[in-house]
Amino acid sequence: MPEASDVTVVSVGEGLVVFTPEPPRPLAEAQTFARSLGGAELNVAIALQTAGVRSAVVGRVGDDGFGEFLLAELGRYGVDTSAVERDPHAPTGLYVKEVSAEAAGIADRMHYYRSSSAGSLLSRETLQTPAARSLLEQARIVHTTGVTSALSSSALLAQESLFQDDRGSGIRSFSVHWRPPLWLGREDVGRAALADLARRADVVFVSEADALSVFGATDAGALRALLPEPRHLVVTHPTGATAFDGGTRAEAPPIDFRMIEPIGAEDAIAAGFLAGLVSGLSLEGSLARANRLATRVMSSTRDHLG
């Protein structure tokens, strides 16, 4: 495991265990499942590590077999897990991919079992443990997402503390990841929270669909006008992505490949772009790297590289 001083990017958020029917079929007919790792921030950490960038995760898992599995999977990829807490009372969160008969093996519905999970109980105290403080103070980039914002009030408060004005010299990266079911009945609160974090971030990733839901714009140029604060803004769309560095704009053309499943593609784009930034690539080079990683993820049923 890398020393804290070796870690370049720290992801803060929840890990989940993912179950997928194998062979692919509707849940009512499934008897066996393949198990894998999920969670937006964990996907980014693994993709970064795969791209040669030292990464770590700050978060929480249950003190159970599923939590042990997540830690072992992260460790297998070389991700630092020294700041992942084990909760003896709350379980590790799960989600199940459902495949309909018409979906040709592609998951078309997700079922989440994360209410009161250990990960959802992330708080400011989680960030204040000696291991977490060491990582966060030395990291070049800290990354988190709008999924974590929606999990609980304590998780949102923890994120807000990461984006304070006195946070130091580290870069703050934020993927909007608007998830309406997690904000049910409090959608306006959710939109305001995500927009606030995005405006306080240095790097922002957002899909066209999420841009429309949260900011009311899908055109990349219009969104940039609405969201001028982050130095870097990356807007993804079905045929590629657009990135901004200040007023400079770059486009990623579509790559010809066979898509199996889009889940995790936005996380791969974030990881690829951040890897490009820390490697000193140009805006165009960072975006191209992001696009290549995304196509690798979409070419499999896994949520992450590997």
C-alpha atoms as a PDB file:
ATOM      1  CA  MET A   1       0.000   0.000   0.000  1.00  0.00           C
ATOM      2  CA  PRO A   2       1.391   3.453  -0.873  1.00  0.00           C
ATOM      3  CA  GLU A   3       2.424   5.906   1.812  1.00  0.00           C
ATOM      4  CA  ALA A   4       0.085   8.872   2.268  1.00  0.00           C
ATOM      5  CA  SER A   5       2.719  11.145   0.762  1.00  0.00           C
ATOM      6  CA  ASP A   6       2.645   9.043  -2.430  1.00  0.00           C
ATOM      7  CA  VAL A   7      -1.114   9.419  -2.964  1.00  0.00           C
ATOM      8  CA  THR A   8      -2.068  11.907  -5.668  1.00  0.00           C
ATOM      9  CA  VAL A   9      -5.887  11.658  -5.740  1.00  0.00           C
ATOM     10  CA  VAL A  10      -8.208  10.908  -2.818  1.00  0.00           C
ATOM     11  CA  SER A  11     -11.820   9.873  -3.511  1.00  0.00           C
ATOM     12  CA  VAL A  12     -14.373  10.494  -0.772  1.00  0.00           C
ATOM     13  CA  GLY A  13     -17.597   8.484  -0.914  1.00  0.00           C
ATOM     14  CA  GLU A  14     -19.503   5.232  -0.547  1.00  0.00           C
ATOM     15  CA  GLY A  15     -18.573   1.802  -1.832  1.00  0.00           C
ATOM     16  CA  LEU A  16     -21.199  -0.766  -2.808  1.00  0.00           C
ATOM     17  CA  VAL A  17     -21.219  -4.456  -3.608  1.00  0.00           C
ATOM     18  CA  VAL A  18     -22.839  -5.089  -7.001  1.00  0.00           C
ATOM     19  CA  PHE A  19     -24.719  -8.247  -7.948  1.00  0.00           C
ATOM     20  CA  THR A  20     -25.460  -9.052 -11.600  1.00  0.00           C
ATOM     21  CA  PRO A  21     -27.513 -12.072 -12.745  1.00  0.00           C
ATOM     22  CA  GLU A  22     -25.294 -14.629 -14.431  1.00  0.00           C
ATOM     23  CA  PRO A  23     -26.196 -15.649 -17.017  1.00  0.00           C
ATOM     24  CA  PRO A  24     -28.058 -12.357 -17.757  1.00  0.00           C
ATOM     25  CA  ARG A  25     -31.795 -12.675 -17.077  1.00  0.00           C
ATOM     26  CA  PRO A  26     -34.612 -10.922 -15.154  1.00  0.00           C
ATOM     27  CA  LEU A  27     -34.282 -11.074 -11.368  1.00  0.00           C
ATOM     28  CA  ALA A  28     -37.379 -13.224 -11.001  1.00  0.00           C
ATOM     29  CA  GLU A  29     -35.614 -15.910 -13.022  1.00  0.00           C
ATOM     30  CA  ALA A  30     -32.055 -15.473 -11.731  1.00  0.00           C
ATOM     31  CA  GLN A  31     -30.506 -18.136  -9.529  1.00  0.00           C
ATOM     32  CA  THR A  32     -26.846 -17.139  -9.587  1.00  0.00           C
ATOM     33  CA  PHE A  33     -25.140 -13.749  -9.511  1.00  0.00           C
ATOM     34  CA  ALA A  34     -21.704 -12.365 -10.251  1.00  0.00           C
ATOM     35  CA  ARG A  35     -20.338 -10.126  -7.516  1.00  0.00           C
ATOM     36  CA  SER A  36     -18.287  -6.983  -8.156  1.00  0.00           C
ATOM     37  CA  LEU A  37     -17.397  -3.605  -6.679  1.00  0.00           C
ATOM     38  CA  GLY A  38     -19.371  -0.412  -7.287  1.00  0.00           C
ATOM     39  CA  GLY A  39     -19.698   3.162  -6.109  1.00  0.00           C
ATOM     40  CA  ALA A  40     -18.782   6.242  -8.128  1.00  0.00           C
ATOM     41  CA  GLU A  41     -15.826   7.389  -6.030  1.00  0.00           C
ATOM     42  CA  LEU A  42     -14.386   3.866  -5.821  1.00  0.00           C
ATOM     43  CA  ASN A  43     -14.705   3.471  -9.588  1.00  0.00           C
ATOM     44  CA  VAL A  44     -12.656   6.644 -10.030  1.00  0.00           C
ATOM     45  CA  ALA A  45      -9.984   5.491  -7.579  1.00  0.00           C
ATOM     46  CA  ILE A  46      -9.560   2.154  -9.352  1.00  0.00           C
ATOM     47  CA  ALA A  47      -9.454   3.734 -12.796  1.00  0.00           C
ATOM     48  CA  LEU A  48      -6.818   6.212 -11.631  1.00  0.00           C
ATOM     49  CA  GLN A  49      -4.712   3.453 -10.145  1.00  0.00           C
ATOM     50  CA  THR A  50      -5.037   1.498 -13.392  1.00  0.00           C
ATOM     51  CA  ALA A  51      -3.882   4.625 -15.248  1.00  0.00           C
ATOM     52  CA  GLY A  52      -0.781   4.841 -13.059  1.00  0.00           C
ATOM     53  CA  VAL A  53      -1.964   7.543 -10.645  1.00  0.00           C
ATOM     54  CA  ARG A  54      -1.705   6.719  -6.937  1.00  0.00           C
ATOM     55  CA  SER A  55      -5.170   6.887  -5.375  1.00  0.00           C
ATOM     56  CA  ALA A  56      -6.893   6.396  -2.046  1.00  0.00           C
ATOM     57  CA  VAL A  57     -10.443   6.184  -0.719  1.00  0.00           C
ATOM     58  CA  VAL A  58     -11.878   7.857   2.355  1.00  0.00           C
ATOM     59  CA  GLY A  59     -15.179   6.320   3.401  1.00  0.00           C
ATOM     60  CA  ARG A  60     -16.922   3.694   5.480  1.00  0.00           C
ATOM     61  CA  VAL A  61     -17.939   0.051   5.105  1.00  0.00           C
ATOM     62  CA  GLY A  62     -19.722  -2.365   7.376  1.00  0.00           C
ATOM     63  CA  ASP A  63     -17.659  -4.671   9.548  1.00  0.00           C
ATOM     64  CA  ASP A  64     -18.983  -7.590   7.541  1.00  0.00           C
ATOM     65  CA  GLY A  65     -17.998  -9.900   4.705  1.00  0.00           C
ATOM     66  CA  PHE A  66     -19.147  -7.468   2.039  1.00  0.00           C
ATOM     67  CA  GLY A  67     -17.016  -4.728   3.568  1.00  0.00           C
ATOM     68  CA  GLU A  68     -14.049  -7.093   3.600  1.00  0.00           C
ATOM     69  CA  PHE A  69     -14.688  -7.823  -0.076  1.00  0.00           C
ATOM     70  CA  LEU A  70     -14.650  -4.117  -1.009  1.00  0.00           C
ATOM     71  CA  LEU A  71     -11.427  -3.512   0.894  1.00  0.00           C
ATOM     72  CA  ALA A  72      -9.820  -6.560  -0.688  1.00  0.00           C
ATOM     73  CA  GLU A  73     -10.870  -5.473  -4.190  1.00  0.00           C
ATOM     74  CA  LEU A  74      -9.519  -1.973  -3.687  1.00  0.00           C
ATOM     75  CA  GLY A  75      -6.308  -3.416  -2.315  1.00  0.00           C
ATOM     76  CA  ARG A  76      -6.011  -5.749  -5.290  1.00  0.00           C
ATOM     77  CA  TYR A  77      -5.822  -2.706  -7.549  1.00  0.00           C
ATOM     78  CA  GLY A  78      -3.379  -0.949  -5.236  1.00  0.00           C
ATOM     79  CA  VAL A  79      -5.822   1.664  -3.913  1.00  0.00           C
ATOM     80  CA  ASP A  80      -4.959   2.941  -0.415  1.00  0.00           C
ATOM     81  CA  THR A  81      -7.743   1.960   2.035  1.00  0.00           C
ATOM     82  CA  SER A  82      -6.077   3.149   5.250  1.00  0.00           C
ATOM     83  CA  ALA A  83      -8.800   5.785   5.764  1.00  0.00           C
ATOM     84  CA  VAL A  84     -11.796   3.505   5.201  1.00  0.00           C
ATOM     85  CA  GLU A  85     -13.612   2.993   8.508  1.00  0.00           C
ATOM     86  CA  ARG A  86     -15.329  -0.268   9.488  1.00  0.00           C
ATOM     87  CA  ASP A  87     -18.707   0.210  11.177  1.00  0.00           C
ATOM     88  CA  PRO A  88     -19.655  -2.600  13.601  1.00  0.00           C
ATOM     89  CA  HIS A  89     -23.336  -1.660  13.530  1.00  0.00           C
ATOM     90  CA  ALA A  90     -24.270  -0.534   9.981  1.00  0.00           C
ATOM     91  CA  PRO A  91     -24.027  -2.854   6.965  1.00  0.00           C
ATOM     92  CA  THR A  92     -22.183  -2.420   3.689  1.00  0.00           C
ATOM     93  CA  GLY A  93     -24.501  -1.142   0.952  1.00  0.00           C
ATOM     94  CA  LEU A  94     -25.548  -3.316  -1.999  1.00  0.00           C
ATOM     95  CA  TYR A  95     -27.128  -2.912  -5.394  1.00  0.00           C
ATOM     96  CA  VAL A  96     -28.475  -5.373  -7.922  1.00  0.00           C
ATOM     97  CA  LYS A  97     -28.543  -4.932 -11.687  1.00  0.00           C
ATOM     98  CA  GLU A  98     -31.719  -6.149 -13.370  1.00  0.00           C
ATOM     99  CA  VAL A  99     -31.695  -7.370 -16.949  1.00  0.00           C
ATOM    100  CA  SER A 100     -34.965  -7.544 -18.858  1.00  0.00           C
ATOM    101  CA  ALA A 101     -35.637 -10.065 -21.596  1.00  0.00           C
ATOM    102  CA  GLU A 102     -35.500  -7.249 -24.165  1.00  0.00           C
ATOM    103  CA  ALA A 103     -32.220  -5.736 -22.959  1.00  0.00           C
ATOM    104  CA  ALA A 104     -29.870  -8.173 -24.723  1.00  0.00           C
ATOM    105  CA  GLY A 105     -27.779  -8.727 -21.612  1.00  0.00           C
ATOM    106  CA  ILE A 106     -27.476  -5.045 -20.690  1.00  0.00           C
ATOM    107  CA  ALA A 107     -28.624  -3.916 -17.241  1.00  0.00           C
ATOM    108  CA  ASP A 108     -31.620  -1.624 -17.616  1.00  0.00           C
ATOM    109  CA  ARG A 109     -32.658  -1.138 -13.995  1.00  0.00           C
ATOM    110  CA  MET A 110     -30.853  -0.840 -10.668  1.00  0.00           C
ATOM    111  CA  HIS A 111     -32.107  -1.882  -7.249  1.00  0.00           C
ATOM    112  CA  TYR A 112     -30.264  -0.232  -4.332  1.00  0.00           C
ATOM    113  CA  TYR A 113     -30.106  -1.580  -0.774  1.00  0.00           C
ATOM    114  CA  ARG A 114     -28.154   1.163   0.982  1.00  0.00           C
ATOM    115  CA  SER A 115     -30.592   2.739   3.464  1.00  0.00           C
ATOM    116  CA  SER A 116     -28.663   3.397   6.701  1.00  0.00           C
ATOM    117  CA  SER A 117     -25.593   1.725   5.222  1.00  0.00           C
ATOM    118  CA  ALA A 118     -22.188   2.345   6.750  1.00  0.00           C
ATOM    119  CA  GLY A 119     -21.199   4.391   3.719  1.00  0.00           C
ATOM    120  CA  SER A 120     -24.246   6.631   3.955  1.00  0.00           C
ATOM    121  CA  LEU A 121     -23.183   7.579   7.497  1.00  0.00           C
ATOM    122  CA  LEU A 122     -20.082   9.366   6.227  1.00  0.00           C
ATOM    123  CA  SER A 123     -19.574  12.515   8.310  1.00  0.00           C
ATOM    124  CA  ARG A 124     -17.104  15.256   9.150  1.00  0.00           C
ATOM    125  CA  GLU A 125     -15.752  12.937  11.847  1.00  0.00           C
ATOM    126  CA  THR A 126     -14.854  10.441   9.113  1.00  0.00           C
ATOM    127  CA  LEU A 127     -12.639  13.093   7.540  1.00  0.00           C
ATOM    128  CA  GLN A 128     -10.992  13.929  10.868  1.00  0.00           C
ATOM    129  CA  THR A 129      -9.455  10.548  11.630  1.00  0.00           C
ATOM    130  CA  PRO A 130      -5.641  10.660  11.573  1.00  0.00           C
ATOM    131  CA  ALA A 131      -5.486   8.488   8.438  1.00  0.00           C
ATOM    132  CA  ALA A 132      -8.052  10.578   6.551  1.00  0.00           C
ATOM    133  CA  ARG A 133      -6.491  13.905   7.569  1.00  0.00           C
ATOM    134  CA  SER A 134      -3.065  12.760   6.440  1.00  0.00           C
ATOM    135  CA  LEU A 135      -4.369  11.751   3.014  1.00  0.00           C
ATOM    136  CA  LEU A 136      -6.549  14.816   2.487  1.00  0.00           C
ATOM    137  CA  GLU A 137      -3.857  17.280   3.528  1.00  0.00           C
ATOM    138  CA  GLN A 138      -1.254  15.805   1.177  1.00  0.00           C
ATOM    139  CA  ALA A 139      -3.412  14.876  -1.822  1.00  0.00           C
ATOM    140  CA  ARG A 140      -3.011  16.889  -4.973  1.00  0.00           C
ATOM    141  CA  ILE A 141      -6.670  16.283  -5.888  1.00  0.00           C
ATOM    142  CA  VAL A 142      -9.714  15.365  -3.776  1.00  0.00           C
ATOM    143  CA  HIS A 143     -12.664  13.948  -5.736  1.00  0.00           C
ATOM    144  CA  THR A 144     -16.270  13.328  -4.736  1.00  0.00           C
ATOM    145  CA  THR A 145     -19.719  13.152  -6.370  1.00  0.00           C
ATOM    146  CA  GLY A 146     -23.345  14.147  -6.100  1.00  0.00           C
ATOM    147  CA  VAL A 147     -24.264  10.588  -5.176  1.00  0.00           C
ATOM    148  CA  THR A 148     -22.573  11.040  -1.815  1.00  0.00           C
ATOM    149  CA  SER A 149     -24.319  14.414  -1.389  1.00  0.00           C
ATOM    150  CA  ALA A 150     -27.690  12.663  -1.524  1.00  0.00           C
ATOM    151  CA  LEU A 151     -26.965   9.858   0.951  1.00  0.00           C
ATOM    152  CA  SER A 152     -27.453  11.769   4.197  1.00  0.00           C
ATOM    153  CA  SER A 153     -27.211  15.212   5.753  1.00  0.00           C
ATOM    154  CA  SER A 154     -23.986  14.191   7.492  1.00  0.00           C
ATOM    155  CA  ALA A 155     -22.428  13.115   4.176  1.00  0.00           C
ATOM    156  CA  LEU A 156     -23.348  16.439   2.554  1.00  0.00           C
ATOM    157  CA  LEU A 157     -21.903  18.372   5.487  1.00  0.00           C
ATOM    158  CA  ALA A 158     -18.693  16.360   5.165  1.00  0.00           C
ATOM    159  CA  GLN A 159     -18.474  17.254   1.484  1.00  0.00           C
ATOM    160  CA  GLU A 160     -19.119  20.914   2.171  1.00  0.00           C
ATOM    161  CA  SER A 161     -16.196  20.931   4.593  1.00  0.00           C
ATOM    162  CA  LEU A 162     -13.975  19.667   1.764  1.00  0.00           C
ATOM    163  CA  PHE A 163     -14.967  22.624  -0.408  1.00  0.00           C
ATOM    164  CA  GLN A 164     -14.449  25.387   2.147  1.00  0.00           C
ATOM    165  CA  ASP A 165     -12.553  28.478   1.043  1.00  0.00           C
ATOM    166  CA  ASP A 166      -9.685  27.697   3.447  1.00  0.00           C
ATOM    167  CA  ARG A 167      -9.135  24.184   2.085  1.00  0.00           C
ATOM    168  CA  GLY A 168      -5.525  24.854   1.116  1.00  0.00           C
ATOM    169  CA  SER A 169      -3.820  24.352  -2.227  1.00  0.00           C
ATOM    170  CA  GLY A 170      -5.354  21.009  -3.173  1.00  0.00           C
ATOM    171  CA  ILE A 171      -7.595  20.750  -6.242  1.00  0.00           C
ATOM    172  CA  ARG A 172     -11.234  19.861  -5.606  1.00  0.00           C
ATOM    173  CA  SER A 173     -12.980  17.715  -8.215  1.00  0.00           C
ATOM    174  CA  PHE A 174     -16.741  17.118  -8.348  1.00  0.00           C
ATOM    175  CA  SER A 175     -18.938  14.894 -10.543  1.00  0.00           C
ATOM    176  CA  VAL A 176     -22.529  16.150 -10.447  1.00  0.00           C
ATOM    177  CA  HIS A 177     -24.170  12.695 -10.736  1.00  0.00           C
ATOM    178  CA  TRP A 178     -27.806  13.773 -10.290  1.00  0.00           C
ATOM    179  CA  ARG A 179     -29.792  10.777  -8.958  1.00  0.00           C
ATOM    180  CA  PRO A 180     -33.511  11.708  -8.642  1.00  0.00           C
ATOM    181  CA  PRO A 181     -34.538   8.652  -6.532  1.00  0.00           C
ATOM    182  CA  LEU A 182     -32.019   9.666  -3.859  1.00  0.00           C
ATOM    183  CA  TRP A 183     -33.495  13.182  -3.701  1.00  0.00           C
ATOM    184  CA  LEU A 184     -37.161  12.132  -3.830  1.00  0.00           C
ATOM    185  CA  GLY A 185     -39.322  14.790  -2.206  1.00  0.00           C
ATOM    186  CA  ARG A 186     -36.391  17.184  -1.807  1.00  0.00           C
ATOM    187  CA  GLU A 187     -35.371  17.738  -5.407  1.00  0.00           C
ATOM    188  CA  ASP A 188     -34.969  21.507  -5.060  1.00  0.00           C
ATOM    189  CA  VAL A 189     -32.673  21.026  -2.067  1.00  0.00           C
ATOM    190  CA  GLY A 190     -30.639  18.537  -4.060  1.00  0.00           C
ATOM    191  CA  ARG A 191     -30.268  20.777  -7.099  1.00  0.00           C
ATOM    192  CA  ALA A 192     -29.167  23.668  -4.923  1.00  0.00           C
ATOM    193  CA  ALA A 193     -26.655  21.519  -3.034  1.00  0.00           C
ATOM    194  CA  LEU A 194     -25.070  20.094  -6.171  1.00  0.00           C
ATOM    195  CA  ALA A 195     -24.940  23.469  -7.910  1.00  0.00           C
ATOM    196  CA  ASP A 196     -23.250  24.967  -4.857  1.00  0.00           C
ATOM    197  CA  LEU A 197     -20.575  22.252  -4.710  1.00  0.00           C
ATOM    198  CA  ALA A 198     -19.998  22.541  -8.458  1.00  0.00           C
ATOM    199  CA  ARG A 199     -19.453  26.289  -8.211  1.00  0.00           C
ATOM    200  CA  ARG A 200     -16.926  25.786  -5.408  1.00  0.00           C
ATOM    201  CA  ALA A 201     -15.006  23.068  -7.234  1.00  0.00           C
ATOM    202  CA  ASP A 202     -11.910  23.446  -9.410  1.00  0.00           C
ATOM    203  CA  VAL A 203     -12.869  20.622 -11.788  1.00  0.00           C
ATOM    204  CA  VAL A 204     -16.477  19.650 -12.592  1.00  0.00           C
ATOM    205  CA  PHE A 205     -17.823  16.694 -14.572  1.00  0.00           C
ATOM    206  CA  VAL A 206     -21.455  16.617 -15.699  1.00  0.00           C
ATOM    207  CA  SER A 207     -23.502  14.763 -18.300  1.00  0.00           C
ATOM    208  CA  GLU A 208     -25.860  16.619 -20.621  1.00  0.00           C
ATOM    209  CA  ALA A 209     -28.834  15.002 -18.892  1.00  0.00           C
ATOM    210  CA  ASP A 210     -27.642  16.035 -15.426  1.00  0.00           C
ATOM    211  CA  ALA A 211     -26.802  19.525 -16.687  1.00  0.00           C
ATOM    212  CA  LEU A 212     -30.404  19.939 -17.823  1.00  0.00           C
ATOM    213  CA  SER A 213     -31.810  18.631 -14.523  1.00  0.00           C
ATOM    214  CA  VAL A 214     -29.581  20.696 -12.237  1.00  0.00           C
ATOM    215  CA  PHE A 215     -28.662  23.804 -14.243  1.00  0.00           C
ATOM    216  CA  GLY A 216     -31.367  23.971 -16.907  1.00  0.00           C
ATOM    217  CA  ALA A 217     -28.947  23.815 -19.842  1.00  0.00           C
ATOM    218  CA  THR A 218     -27.547  21.065 -22.063  1.00  0.00           C
ATOM    219  CA  ASP A 219     -25.464  23.015 -24.562  1.00  0.00           C
ATOM    220  CA  ALA A 220     -21.859  22.976 -23.330  1.00  0.00           C
ATOM    221  CA  GLY A 221     -21.294  26.645 -24.117  1.00  0.00           C
ATOM    222  CA  ALA A 222     -24.460  27.715 -22.352  1.00  0.00           C
ATOM    223  CA  LEU A 223     -23.582  25.594 -19.346  1.00  0.00           C
ATOM    224  CA  ARG A 224     -20.125  27.143 -19.193  1.00  0.00           C
ATOM    225  CA  ALA A 225     -21.750  30.579 -19.108  1.00  0.00           C
ATOM    226  CA  LEU A 226     -23.928  29.434 -16.196  1.00  0.00           C
ATOM    227  CA  LEU A 227     -21.006  27.763 -14.425  1.00  0.00           C
ATOM    228  CA  PRO A 228     -17.919  29.951 -14.901  1.00  0.00           C
ATOM    229  CA  GLU A 229     -16.327  29.374 -11.480  1.00  0.00           C
ATOM    230  CA  PRO A 230     -14.524  26.001 -11.962  1.00  0.00           C
ATOM    231  CA  ARG A 231     -11.315  26.241 -13.955  1.00  0.00           C
ATOM    232  CA  HIS A 232     -12.099  22.960 -15.717  1.00  0.00           C
ATOM    233  CA  LEU A 233     -15.563  21.857 -16.836  1.00  0.00           C
ATOM    234  CA  VAL A 234     -16.170  18.570 -18.667  1.00  0.00           C
ATOM    235  CA  VAL A 235     -19.587  17.992 -20.255  1.00  0.00           C
ATOM    236  CA  THR A 236     -20.303  14.480 -21.518  1.00  0.00           C
ATOM    237  CA  HIS A 237     -22.823  13.557 -24.185  1.00  0.00           C
ATOM    238  CA  PRO A 238     -23.707  10.373 -26.107  1.00  0.00           C
ATOM    239  CA  THR A 239     -21.202  11.023 -28.894  1.00  0.00           C
ATOM    240  CA  GLY A 240     -18.230  12.284 -26.874  1.00  0.00           C
ATOM    241  CA  ALA A 241     -17.370  15.116 -24.495  1.00  0.00           C
ATOM    242  CA  THR A 242     -16.530  18.814 -24.350  1.00  0.00           C
ATOM    243  CA  ALA A 243     -13.969  20.240 -21.929  1.00  0.00           C
ATOM    244  CA  PHE A 244     -13.096  23.775 -20.853  1.00  0.00           C
ATOM    245  CA  ASP A 245      -9.989  25.202 -19.246  1.00  0.00           C
ATOM    246  CA  GLY A 246     -11.048  28.735 -18.466  1.00  0.00           C
ATOM    247  CA  GLY A 247     -12.250  30.043 -21.814  1.00  0.00           C
ATOM    248  CA  THR A 248     -10.397  27.419 -23.869  1.00  0.00           C
ATOM    249  CA  ARG A 249     -12.611  24.674 -25.305  1.00  0.00           C
ATOM    250  CA  ALA A 250     -11.752  21.184 -26.553  1.00  0.00           C
ATOM    251  CA  GLU A 251     -13.878  18.439 -28.104  1.00  0.00           C
ATOM    252  CA  ALA A 252     -13.483  14.670 -27.883  1.00  0.00           C
ATOM    253  CA  PRO A 253     -14.740  12.983 -31.057  1.00  0.00           C
ATOM    254  CA  PRO A 254     -16.631   9.696 -30.749  1.00  0.00           C
ATOM    255  CA  ILE A 255     -14.631   6.458 -30.739  1.00  0.00           C
ATOM    256  CA  ASP A 256     -15.905   3.497 -32.732  1.00  0.00           C
ATOM    257  CA  PHE A 257     -16.439   0.586 -30.311  1.00  0.00           C
ATOM    258  CA  ARG A 258     -19.072  -1.956 -29.267  1.00  0.00           C
ATOM    259  CA  MET A 259     -20.918  -0.736 -26.193  1.00  0.00           C
ATOM    260  CA  ILE A 260     -21.996  -3.388 -23.697  1.00  0.00           C
ATOM    261  CA  GLU A 261     -23.151  -1.172 -20.803  1.00  0.00           C
ATOM    262  CA  PRO A 262     -22.768   2.572 -20.037  1.00  0.00           C
ATOM    263  CA  ILE A 263     -22.652   2.291 -16.235  1.00  0.00           C
ATOM    264  CA  GLY A 264     -19.415   3.693 -14.844  1.00  0.00           C
ATOM    265  CA  ALA A 265     -18.494   5.613 -18.008  1.00  0.00           C
ATOM    266  CA  GLU A 266     -18.786   9.016 -16.312  1.00  0.00           C
ATOM    267  CA  ASP A 267     -16.464   7.851 -13.542  1.00  0.00           C
ATOM    268  CA  ALA A 268     -13.928   6.638 -16.101  1.00  0.00           C
ATOM    269  CA  ILE A 269     -14.074  10.015 -17.846  1.00  0.00           C
ATOM    270  CA  ALA A 270     -13.391  11.748 -14.537  1.00  0.00           C
ATOM    271  CA  ALA A 271     -10.469   9.436 -13.800  1.00  0.00           C
ATOM    272  CA  GLY A 272      -8.986   9.778 -17.260  1.00  0.00           C
ATOM    273  CA  PHE A 273      -9.237  13.554 -17.242  1.00  0.00           C
ATOM    274  CA  LEU A 274      -7.738  13.853 -13.754  1.00  0.00           C
ATOM    275  CA  ALA A 275      -4.946  11.463 -14.741  1.00  0.00           C
ATOM    276  CA  GLY A 276      -4.234  13.711 -17.703  1.00  0.00           C
ATOM    277  CA  LEU A 277      -4.112  16.810 -15.509  1.00  0.00           C
ATOM    278  CA  VAL A 278      -1.652  15.344 -13.007  1.00  0.00           C
ATOM    279  CA  SER A 279       0.471  14.010 -15.877  1.00  0.00           C
ATOM    280  CA  GLY A 280       0.746  17.470 -17.391  1.00  0.00           C
ATOM    281  CA  LEU A 281      -1.234  16.697 -20.544  1.00  0.00           C
ATOM    282  CA  SER A 282      -2.943  19.453 -22.490  1.00  0.00           C
ATOM    283  CA  LEU A 283      -6.687  20.006 -22.286  1.00  0.00           C
ATOM    284  CA  GLU A 284      -7.099  18.033 -25.523  1.00  0.00           C
ATOM    285  CA  GLY A 285      -4.806  15.263 -24.289  1.00  0.00           C
ATOM    286  CA  SER A 286      -6.587  14.961 -20.945  1.00  0.00           C
ATOM    287  CA  LEU A 287      -9.968  14.780 -22.669  1.00  0.00           C
ATOM    288  CA  ALA A 288      -8.759  12.172 -25.145  1.00  0.00           C
ATOM    289  CA  ARG A 289      -7.427  10.049 -22.303  1.00  0.00           C
ATOM    290  CA  ALA A 290     -10.766  10.354 -20.520  1.00  0.00           C
ATOM    291  CA  ASN A 291     -12.643   9.267 -23.628  1.00  0.00           C
ATOM    292  CA  ARG A 292     -10.449   6.184 -24.099  1.00  0.00           C
ATOM    293  CA  LEU A 293     -10.952   5.042 -20.507  1.00  0.00           C
ATOM    294  CA  ALA A 294     -14.712   5.495 -20.820  1.00  0.00           C
ATOM    295  CA  THR A 295     -14.910   3.265 -23.894  1.00  0.00           C
ATOM    296  CA  ARG A 296     -13.024   0.542 -22.007  1.00  0.00           C
ATOM    297  CA  VAL A 297     -15.578   0.617 -19.182  1.00  0.00           C
ATOM    298  CA  MET A 298     -18.540   0.645 -21.581  1.00  0.00           C
ATOM    299  CA  SER A 299     -17.116  -2.415 -23.339  1.00  0.00           C
ATOM    300  CA  SER A 300     -17.881  -4.613 -20.304  1.00  0.00           C
ATOM    301  CA  THR A 301     -20.582  -5.176 -17.673  1.00  0.00           C
ATOM    302  CA  ARG A 302     -18.289  -4.022 -14.861  1.00  0.00           C
ATOM    303  CA  ASP A 303     -18.627  -0.536 -13.393  1.00  0.00           C
ATOM    304  CA  HIS A 304     -14.885   0.041 -13.351  1.00  0.00           C
ATOM    305  CA  LEU A 305     -11.687  -0.796 -15.210  1.00  0.00           C
ATOM    306  CA  GLY A 306      -9.963  -4.094 -14.602  1.00  0.00           C
END
